[in-house]
Amino acid sequence: MRYVRNVKTGLLTRTNILNTLEKTSNNAMYIAKTTSLSYSVVSHHLRLLKREGTITHKGKRPYTWLVTGMGQKQLIS
């Protein structure tokens, strides 16, 4: 990710979120429950991932989040 500091905890959190989204596209509350992260942490990282173009959303709130073609590749570069 170009615009985000990739500290270990943030990288692990974004990886967990992306792994969940690769299995099934869903909303932030579902991701929070599935990953045992707080809703605010998930929302923050979803916004960061969206800004980088790694994920996108569709529909109206609550958004359904989807992984783009970049997916996990962009996290490490």
N, C-alpha and C. Protein backbone atom coordinates (compact mmCIF):
# COMPACT_ATOMS: atom_id res chain seq x y z
N MET A 1 0.84 -1.16 0.00
CA MET A 1 0.00 0.00 0.00
C MET A 1 0.90 1.23 0.00
N ARG A 2 0.64 2.12 -0.88
CA ARG A 2 1.50 3.27 -1.08
C ARG A 2 1.32 4.35 -0.03
N TYR A 3 0.10 4.60 0.42
CA TYR A 3 -0.17 5.75 1.27
C TYR A 3 -0.38 5.39 2.74
N VAL A 4 -0.14 4.16 3.11
CA VAL A 4 -0.40 3.70 4.46
C VAL A 4 0.87 3.08 5.02
N ARG A 5 1.18 3.41 6.27
CA ARG A 5 2.31 2.75 6.93
C ARG A 5 1.91 1.31 7.19
N ASN A 6 2.71 0.38 6.75
CA ASN A 6 2.39 -1.03 6.94
C ASN A 6 3.07 -1.58 8.19
N VAL A 7 2.58 -1.15 9.36
CA VAL A 7 3.07 -1.73 10.60
C VAL A 7 2.45 -3.11 10.75
N LYS A 8 3.07 -3.94 11.53
CA LYS A 8 2.69 -5.35 11.60
C LYS A 8 1.22 -5.56 11.97
N THR A 9 0.71 -4.85 12.97
CA THR A 9 -0.67 -5.07 13.39
C THR A 9 -1.67 -4.64 12.31
N GLY A 10 -1.39 -3.52 11.65
CA GLY A 10 -2.28 -3.06 10.58
C GLY A 10 -2.26 -4.01 9.40
N LEU A 11 -1.09 -4.51 9.06
CA LEU A 11 -0.96 -5.45 7.95
C LEU A 11 -1.71 -6.75 8.25
N LEU A 12 -1.59 -7.23 9.47
CA LEU A 12 -2.31 -8.45 9.86
C LEU A 12 -3.83 -8.22 9.83
N THR A 13 -4.25 -7.06 10.29
CA THR A 13 -5.68 -6.74 10.29
C THR A 13 -6.22 -6.68 8.87
N ARG A 14 -5.51 -5.97 7.99
CA ARG A 14 -5.97 -5.88 6.59
C ARG A 14 -5.94 -7.24 5.91
N THR A 15 -4.97 -8.07 6.24
CA THR A 15 -4.90 -9.41 5.68
C THR A 15 -6.11 -10.24 6.12
N ASN A 16 -6.48 -10.15 7.40
CA ASN A 16 -7.66 -10.87 7.90
C ASN A 16 -8.92 -10.40 7.19
N ILE A 17 -9.04 -9.10 7.00
CA ILE A 17 -10.22 -8.54 6.32
C ILE A 17 -10.27 -9.02 4.88
N LEU A 18 -9.14 -8.97 4.19
CA LEU A 18 -9.12 -9.42 2.79
C LEU A 18 -9.40 -10.91 2.67
N ASN A 19 -8.86 -11.70 3.59
CA ASN A 19 -9.15 -13.14 3.55
C ASN A 19 -10.64 -13.40 3.72
N THR A 20 -11.28 -12.67 4.60
CA THR A 20 -12.72 -12.81 4.80
C THR A 20 -13.48 -12.40 3.54
N LEU A 21 -13.08 -11.29 2.93
CA LEU A 21 -13.76 -10.80 1.74
C LEU A 21 -13.53 -11.70 0.53
N GLU A 22 -12.40 -12.39 0.49
CA GLU A 22 -12.15 -13.30 -0.63
C GLU A 22 -13.07 -14.51 -0.56
N LYS A 23 -13.46 -14.89 0.65
CA LYS A 23 -14.40 -16.01 0.82
C LYS A 23 -15.81 -15.60 0.46
N THR A 24 -16.24 -14.44 0.95
CA THR A 24 -17.58 -13.96 0.69
C THR A 24 -17.64 -12.44 0.84
N SER A 25 -18.24 -11.78 -0.09
CA SER A 25 -18.42 -10.33 0.00
C SER A 25 -19.51 -10.05 1.04
N ASN A 26 -19.24 -9.09 1.92
CA ASN A 26 -20.20 -8.82 2.97
C ASN A 26 -20.00 -7.43 3.54
N ASN A 27 -20.79 -7.09 4.56
CA ASN A 27 -20.71 -5.76 5.17
C ASN A 27 -19.72 -5.75 6.34
N ALA A 28 -19.45 -4.55 6.84
CA ALA A 28 -18.44 -4.36 7.88
C ALA A 28 -18.81 -5.08 9.18
N MET A 29 -20.08 -5.10 9.53
CA MET A 29 -20.50 -5.77 10.77
C MET A 29 -20.21 -7.27 10.70
N TYR A 30 -20.51 -7.89 9.56
CA TYR A 30 -20.22 -9.32 9.38
C TYR A 30 -18.72 -9.57 9.47
N ILE A 31 -17.93 -8.71 8.83
CA ILE A 31 -16.47 -8.87 8.87
C ILE A 31 -15.97 -8.74 10.30
N ALA A 32 -16.50 -7.78 11.04
CA ALA A 32 -16.09 -7.59 12.43
C ALA A 32 -16.40 -8.83 13.27
N LYS A 33 -17.58 -9.39 13.11
CA LYS A 33 -17.95 -10.59 13.87
C LYS A 33 -17.09 -11.79 13.47
N THR A 34 -16.83 -11.93 12.18
CA THR A 34 -16.06 -13.08 11.68
C THR A 34 -14.60 -13.02 12.11
N THR A 35 -14.02 -11.83 12.11
CA THR A 35 -12.60 -11.68 12.42
C THR A 35 -12.32 -11.37 13.89
N SER A 36 -13.36 -11.19 14.69
CA SER A 36 -13.22 -10.82 16.10
C SER A 36 -12.52 -9.48 16.29
N LEU A 37 -12.69 -8.59 15.33
CA LEU A 37 -12.18 -7.23 15.44
C LEU A 37 -13.34 -6.30 15.74
N SER A 38 -13.04 -5.13 16.27
CA SER A 38 -14.13 -4.19 16.53
C SER A 38 -14.62 -3.59 15.22
N TYR A 39 -15.87 -3.15 15.24
CA TYR A 39 -16.47 -2.56 14.05
C TYR A 39 -15.69 -1.33 13.59
N SER A 40 -15.24 -0.51 14.53
CA SER A 40 -14.52 0.71 14.17
C SER A 40 -13.17 0.40 13.51
N VAL A 41 -12.49 -0.63 13.99
CA VAL A 41 -11.21 -1.04 13.38
C VAL A 41 -11.46 -1.53 11.96
N VAL A 42 -12.48 -2.35 11.78
CA VAL A 42 -12.81 -2.88 10.45
C VAL A 42 -13.17 -1.73 9.51
N SER A 43 -13.99 -0.80 9.97
CA SER A 43 -14.39 0.34 9.14
C SER A 43 -13.18 1.17 8.72
N HIS A 44 -12.30 1.41 9.65
CA HIS A 44 -11.08 2.18 9.35
C HIS A 44 -10.26 1.50 8.26
N HIS A 45 -10.02 0.22 8.41
CA HIS A 45 -9.20 -0.50 7.44
C HIS A 45 -9.90 -0.69 6.10
N LEU A 46 -11.22 -0.80 6.12
CA LEU A 46 -11.95 -0.85 4.86
C LEU A 46 -11.78 0.45 4.08
N ARG A 47 -11.82 1.58 4.79
CA ARG A 47 -11.62 2.88 4.13
C ARG A 47 -10.21 2.97 3.55
N LEU A 48 -9.21 2.50 4.30
CA LEU A 48 -7.84 2.52 3.80
C LEU A 48 -7.69 1.64 2.56
N LEU A 49 -8.27 0.45 2.60
CA LEU A 49 -8.19 -0.46 1.47
C LEU A 49 -8.92 0.10 0.25
N LYS A 50 -10.03 0.76 0.48
CA LYS A 50 -10.78 1.36 -0.62
C LYS A 50 -9.98 2.49 -1.26
N ARG A 51 -9.35 3.32 -0.44
CA ARG A 51 -8.55 4.43 -0.96
C ARG A 51 -7.40 3.93 -1.83
N GLU A 52 -6.87 2.76 -1.51
CA GLU A 52 -5.78 2.18 -2.29
C GLU A 52 -6.27 1.43 -3.53
N GLY A 53 -7.59 1.20 -3.62
CA GLY A 53 -8.13 0.49 -4.77
C GLY A 53 -8.11 -1.02 -4.64
N THR A 54 -7.82 -1.52 -3.44
CA THR A 54 -7.76 -2.96 -3.20
C THR A 54 -9.16 -3.55 -3.08
N ILE A 55 -10.09 -2.78 -2.54
CA ILE A 55 -11.48 -3.22 -2.43
C ILE A 55 -12.39 -2.11 -2.93
N THR A 56 -13.65 -2.46 -3.12
CA THR A 56 -14.66 -1.49 -3.50
C THR A 56 -15.96 -1.89 -2.82
N HIS A 57 -16.95 -1.03 -2.89
CA HIS A 57 -18.24 -1.38 -2.29
C HIS A 57 -19.34 -1.18 -3.30
N LYS A 58 -20.47 -1.82 -3.03
CA LYS A 58 -21.63 -1.65 -3.90
C LYS A 58 -22.86 -1.45 -3.03
N GLY A 59 -23.88 -0.91 -3.64
CA GLY A 59 -25.13 -0.70 -2.93
C GLY A 59 -25.10 0.49 -2.00
N LYS A 60 -26.19 0.61 -1.27
CA LYS A 60 -26.30 1.67 -0.28
C LYS A 60 -25.92 1.12 1.08
N ARG A 61 -25.81 2.01 2.05
CA ARG A 61 -25.42 1.57 3.39
C ARG A 61 -26.42 0.59 3.97
N PRO A 62 -26.03 -0.43 4.62
CA PRO A 62 -24.64 -0.85 4.82
C PRO A 62 -24.04 -1.41 3.53
N TYR A 63 -22.85 -0.94 3.18
CA TYR A 63 -22.21 -1.34 1.95
C TYR A 63 -21.82 -2.81 1.96
N THR A 64 -21.90 -3.42 0.80
CA THR A 64 -21.33 -4.75 0.61
C THR A 64 -19.94 -4.53 0.01
N TRP A 65 -18.93 -5.02 0.68
CA TRP A 65 -17.55 -4.81 0.27
C TRP A 65 -17.08 -5.97 -0.59
N LEU A 66 -16.31 -5.65 -1.65
CA LEU A 66 -15.81 -6.63 -2.61
C LEU A 66 -14.32 -6.42 -2.84
N VAL A 67 -13.60 -7.50 -3.06
CA VAL A 67 -12.18 -7.42 -3.40
C VAL A 67 -12.06 -7.13 -4.89
N THR A 68 -11.19 -6.17 -5.25
CA THR A 68 -10.96 -5.87 -6.66
C THR A 68 -9.94 -6.84 -7.21
N GLY A 69 -9.55 -6.67 -8.44
CA GLY A 69 -8.55 -7.52 -9.08
C GLY A 69 -7.20 -7.46 -8.40
N MET A 70 -6.90 -6.32 -7.76
CA MET A 70 -5.61 -6.18 -7.07
C MET A 70 -5.53 -7.10 -5.86
N GLY A 71 -6.62 -7.17 -5.13
CA GLY A 71 -6.68 -8.05 -3.96
C GLY A 71 -5.50 -7.92 -3.03
N GLN A 72 -4.97 -9.03 -2.62
CA GLN A 72 -3.90 -9.07 -1.63
C GLN A 72 -2.55 -8.63 -2.21
N LYS A 73 -2.38 -8.64 -3.51
CA LYS A 73 -1.09 -8.32 -4.11
C LYS A 73 -0.57 -6.97 -3.66
N GLN A 74 -1.42 -5.97 -3.57
CA GLN A 74 -0.98 -4.62 -3.30
C GLN A 74 -0.60 -4.39 -1.84
N LEU A 75 -0.98 -5.25 -0.94
CA LEU A 75 -0.65 -5.06 0.48
C LEU A 75 0.84 -5.02 0.73
N ILE A 76 1.55 -5.91 0.11
CA ILE A 76 2.98 -6.08 0.43
C ILE A 76 3.85 -5.15 -0.40
N SER A 77 3.45 -4.78 -1.58
CA SER A 77 4.31 -3.96 -2.44
C SER A 77 4.42 -2.53 -1.97
